[in-house]
Amino acid sequence: MFVKSIMKPAHRSYTAKTDDRLSGILDLLNDHDLQAMPVLNDRKFMGMVSKEIIYRAYFNSDQSKEVFLNQTTAGEIAENEDFYIHDEEVFERTLPAFKGFPLLAVVDKERNFQGLVTRFDVIEQFESAFGSKKKGIRIAFTSEESSGRIERLGDIIKSYHENVISLATFDETDKLARRIVLKIEKKDNIEQFTNKLEKTGFRILSVKEV
């Protein structure tokens, strides 16, 4: 999955121009309950502005609140000019950025603004990956890290005619075991299915209807 497939496009994104006054930007942030927005020079991404950035810049200034908000522009205080990702990057590359900021600008090779990816967008993708919006049986188990284990799992799923909602694996750096979370549609053969998994060498950790 590429970033451009999950981003909010430019025409649906709230943005600020470099010469926009902070008073208007703060009103926009408050009116639409936004934490931050990109700052653009024409179409070029120049950085981010947020409530926190505005408050910090005001605290470090020697101006009154009214003068500061009405005379200072977004371009003067914009930060995080490296908080962007190219539209052709894969979705996973967005994850590290959200440890410290709520949104990420999406740009083309010339740094022209294409859209936004937010924490909410990322959470939605994880919900989809785990099948959170569809009811079923969640089976967590471990497997020895060896060649052909996922293929063997696929054979068992096929032989029991299970309908897979989601499948995720964890512990990519662990050389001994890998955790697997499988979610399948509820059927009356779950016990037989899990017993077969155990007999084939998969160790069941939990079976839950969610």
Protein backbone atom coordinates (compact mmCIF):
# COMPACT_ATOMS: atom_id res chain seq x y z
CA MET A 1 0.00 0.00 0.00
CA PHE A 2 1.35 3.39 -1.01
CA VAL A 3 1.01 6.64 0.93
CA LYS A 4 -0.98 8.25 -1.89
CA SER A 5 -3.69 5.62 -1.49
CA ILE A 6 -4.49 6.61 2.11
CA MET A 7 -3.70 10.34 2.17
CA LYS A 8 -6.26 13.12 2.34
CA PRO A 9 -5.74 15.02 -0.97
CA ALA A 10 -4.63 18.64 -1.05
CA HIS A 11 -8.05 20.03 -1.98
CA ARG A 12 -9.51 18.47 1.19
CA SER A 13 -6.67 19.54 3.50
CA TYR A 14 -6.48 22.66 5.65
CA THR A 15 -3.26 24.52 4.91
CA ALA A 16 -1.65 27.88 5.68
CA LYS A 17 0.30 30.17 3.37
CA THR A 18 3.65 31.53 4.48
CA ASP A 19 2.26 35.08 4.64
CA ASP A 20 -0.93 34.18 6.56
CA ARG A 21 -1.22 35.95 9.92
CA LEU A 22 -1.24 33.76 13.02
CA SER A 23 -4.53 35.22 14.26
CA GLY A 24 -6.39 33.72 11.30
CA ILE A 25 -4.51 30.43 11.52
CA LEU A 26 -5.29 30.06 15.22
CA ASP A 27 -8.97 30.71 14.50
CA LEU A 28 -8.90 28.00 11.83
CA LEU A 29 -7.20 25.52 14.14
CA ASN A 30 -9.75 26.18 16.88
CA ASP A 31 -12.84 26.29 14.65
CA HIS A 32 -12.05 22.94 13.02
CA ASP A 33 -10.46 21.28 16.07
CA LEU A 34 -7.14 20.86 14.27
CA GLN A 35 -3.85 20.22 16.02
CA ALA A 36 -1.63 21.40 13.18
CA MET A 37 -1.49 22.23 9.48
CA PRO A 38 1.15 22.45 6.74
CA VAL A 39 2.60 25.81 5.70
CA LEU A 40 2.96 26.30 1.95
CA ASN A 41 4.80 28.77 -0.27
CA ASP A 42 2.62 28.55 -3.35
CA ARG A 43 2.55 24.73 -3.55
CA LYS A 44 5.90 24.05 -1.85
CA PHE A 45 5.83 22.50 1.61
CA MET A 46 7.73 24.75 4.04
CA GLY A 47 6.96 23.20 7.43
CA MET A 48 4.23 22.86 10.02
CA VAL A 49 2.36 25.25 12.28
CA SER A 50 0.41 24.14 15.34
CA LYS A 51 -1.15 25.58 18.46
CA GLU A 52 1.88 24.46 20.44
CA ILE A 53 4.28 26.09 17.97
CA ILE A 54 2.27 29.34 18.05
CA TYR A 55 2.11 29.42 21.87
CA ARG A 56 5.83 28.67 22.19
CA ALA A 57 6.77 31.39 19.69
CA TYR A 58 4.55 33.90 21.53
CA PHE A 59 6.10 32.94 24.89
CA ASN A 60 9.58 33.56 23.47
CA SER A 61 8.61 36.90 21.90
CA ASP A 62 8.54 40.28 23.62
CA GLN A 63 5.27 41.35 22.01
CA SER A 64 1.75 41.61 23.31
CA LYS A 65 -0.59 38.79 22.33
CA GLU A 66 -2.58 40.98 19.94
CA VAL A 67 0.47 42.38 18.18
CA PHE A 68 2.13 38.98 17.94
CA LEU A 69 -0.91 37.22 16.45
CA ASN A 70 -1.74 40.01 14.02
CA GLN A 71 1.77 40.79 12.78
CA THR A 72 3.55 37.42 12.79
CA THR A 73 3.15 35.14 9.79
CA ALA A 74 3.11 31.36 9.51
CA GLY A 75 6.32 31.40 7.50
CA GLU A 76 8.16 33.12 10.33
CA ILE A 77 7.47 30.44 12.92
CA ALA A 78 6.94 27.26 10.82
CA GLU A 79 8.84 24.23 12.14
CA ASN A 80 9.39 20.59 11.19
CA GLU A 81 10.22 21.27 7.56
CA ASP A 82 11.32 17.63 7.29
CA PHE A 83 7.92 16.26 8.35
CA TYR A 84 6.96 15.04 4.92
CA ILE A 85 6.94 11.84 2.91
CA HIS A 86 6.87 11.22 -0.82
CA ASP A 87 3.60 10.08 -2.33
CA GLU A 88 5.22 6.95 -3.83
CA GLU A 89 6.50 5.70 -0.46
CA VAL A 90 4.94 2.64 1.16
CA PHE A 91 2.50 3.10 4.04
CA GLU A 92 4.84 1.63 6.67
CA ARG A 93 7.29 4.52 6.24
CA THR A 94 4.78 6.89 7.85
CA LEU A 95 4.85 5.14 11.23
CA PRO A 96 8.02 6.60 12.85
CA ALA A 97 6.86 10.19 12.22
CA PHE A 98 3.75 9.86 14.36
CA LYS A 99 5.74 9.30 17.54
CA GLY A 100 6.18 13.05 17.83
CA PHE A 101 3.65 14.81 15.60
CA PRO A 102 -0.02 14.23 14.65
CA LEU A 103 0.26 14.62 10.88
CA LEU A 104 2.61 14.24 7.96
CA ALA A 105 2.69 16.16 4.69
CA VAL A 106 2.74 14.18 1.45
CA VAL A 107 4.81 15.74 -1.33
CA ASP A 108 6.06 14.92 -4.83
CA LYS A 109 9.72 14.91 -5.89
CA GLU A 110 9.75 18.72 -6.09
CA ARG A 111 8.26 19.01 -2.57
CA ASN A 112 4.95 20.21 -3.98
CA PHE A 113 2.21 19.52 -1.47
CA GLN A 114 -0.04 16.59 -2.44
CA GLY A 115 -2.00 15.94 0.74
CA LEU A 116 -1.87 14.79 4.36
CA VAL A 117 -1.62 11.59 6.37
CA THR A 118 -2.80 11.84 9.98
CA ARG A 119 -2.59 9.57 13.00
CA PHE A 120 -6.27 8.86 12.51
CA ASP A 121 -5.57 7.60 8.96
CA VAL A 122 -2.87 5.27 10.29
CA ILE A 123 -5.15 3.92 13.04
CA GLU A 124 -7.84 3.23 10.45
CA GLN A 125 -5.38 1.20 8.39
CA PHE A 126 -4.42 -0.87 11.42
CA GLU A 127 -8.09 -1.46 12.19
CA SER A 128 -8.48 -2.71 8.64
CA ALA A 129 -5.35 -4.90 8.87
CA PHE A 130 -6.68 -6.55 12.04
CA GLY A 131 -10.24 -6.80 10.74
CA SER A 132 -11.47 -4.80 13.73
CA LYS A 133 -14.72 -3.73 12.09
CA LYS A 134 -15.88 -7.25 11.27
CA LYS A 135 -16.88 -9.80 13.90
CA GLY A 136 -15.14 -13.15 13.96
CA ILE A 137 -12.87 -15.50 15.89
CA ARG A 138 -9.43 -14.17 16.81
CA ILE A 139 -6.81 -16.89 17.22
CA ALA A 140 -3.38 -15.96 18.57
CA PHE A 141 -0.62 -18.55 18.36
CA THR A 142 3.13 -18.94 17.99
CA SER A 143 5.19 -20.79 15.44
CA GLU A 144 8.81 -21.78 15.22
CA GLU A 145 10.64 -19.57 12.74
CA SER A 146 11.20 -22.00 9.88
CA SER A 147 10.76 -22.14 6.13
CA GLY A 148 7.28 -22.99 4.90
CA ARG A 149 5.35 -22.36 8.14
CA ILE A 150 3.00 -19.76 6.65
CA GLU A 151 2.48 -22.01 3.63
CA ARG A 152 1.54 -24.86 5.99
CA LEU A 153 -0.86 -22.55 7.82
CA GLY A 154 -2.45 -21.68 4.49
CA ASP A 155 -2.92 -25.36 3.70
CA ILE A 156 -4.73 -25.92 7.02
CA ILE A 157 -6.95 -22.87 6.49
CA LYS A 158 -7.83 -24.15 3.03
CA SER A 159 -8.54 -27.70 4.17
CA TYR A 160 -11.02 -26.44 6.80
CA HIS A 161 -12.58 -23.94 4.37
CA GLU A 162 -12.02 -21.04 6.75
CA ASN A 163 -12.84 -17.52 5.60
CA VAL A 164 -9.94 -15.29 6.64
CA ILE A 165 -10.74 -11.76 7.84
CA SER A 166 -7.15 -10.81 8.69
CA LEU A 167 -3.71 -12.27 9.30
CA ALA A 168 -0.78 -10.53 11.00
CA THR A 169 2.63 -11.70 12.22
CA PHE A 170 4.90 -10.22 14.86
CA ASP A 171 8.45 -10.58 16.25
CA GLU A 172 10.26 -10.10 12.96
CA THR A 173 13.63 -9.94 14.76
CA ASP A 174 13.06 -13.05 16.90
CA LYS A 175 14.92 -16.00 15.38
CA LEU A 176 13.18 -18.64 17.51
CA ALA A 177 9.45 -17.98 17.36
CA ARG A 178 6.95 -15.76 15.62
CA ARG A 179 3.55 -14.71 16.97
CA ILE A 180 0.66 -14.89 14.55
CA VAL A 181 -2.82 -13.40 14.93
CA LEU A 182 -5.44 -14.91 12.65
CA LYS A 183 -9.04 -13.73 12.50
CA ILE A 184 -11.58 -15.91 10.74
CA GLU A 185 -15.34 -15.93 10.33
CA LYS A 186 -17.23 -17.77 13.06
CA LYS A 187 -18.10 -21.38 12.18
CA ASP A 188 -18.89 -24.54 14.10
CA ASN A 189 -15.49 -26.14 13.43
CA ILE A 190 -13.26 -23.78 15.43
CA GLU A 191 -12.27 -26.43 17.97
CA GLN A 192 -11.27 -28.91 15.26
CA PHE A 193 -9.40 -26.19 13.42
CA THR A 194 -7.39 -25.09 16.46
CA ASN A 195 -6.67 -28.72 17.41
CA LYS A 196 -5.23 -29.24 13.94
CA LEU A 197 -3.05 -26.17 14.35
CA GLU A 198 -1.68 -27.52 17.63
CA LYS A 199 -1.01 -30.96 16.15
CA THR A 200 0.89 -29.32 13.30
CA GLY A 201 3.22 -27.48 15.69
CA PHE A 202 1.47 -24.14 16.19
CA ARG A 203 1.08 -23.29 19.89
CA ILE A 204 -2.31 -21.68 20.62
CA LEU A 205 -2.15 -18.69 22.97
CA SER A 206 -5.80 -17.58 22.89
CA VAL A 207 -9.05 -18.07 21.03
CA LYS A 208 -11.57 -15.24 21.33
CA GLU A 209 -14.74 -14.14 19.65
CA VAL A 210 -14.40 -10.43 18.89
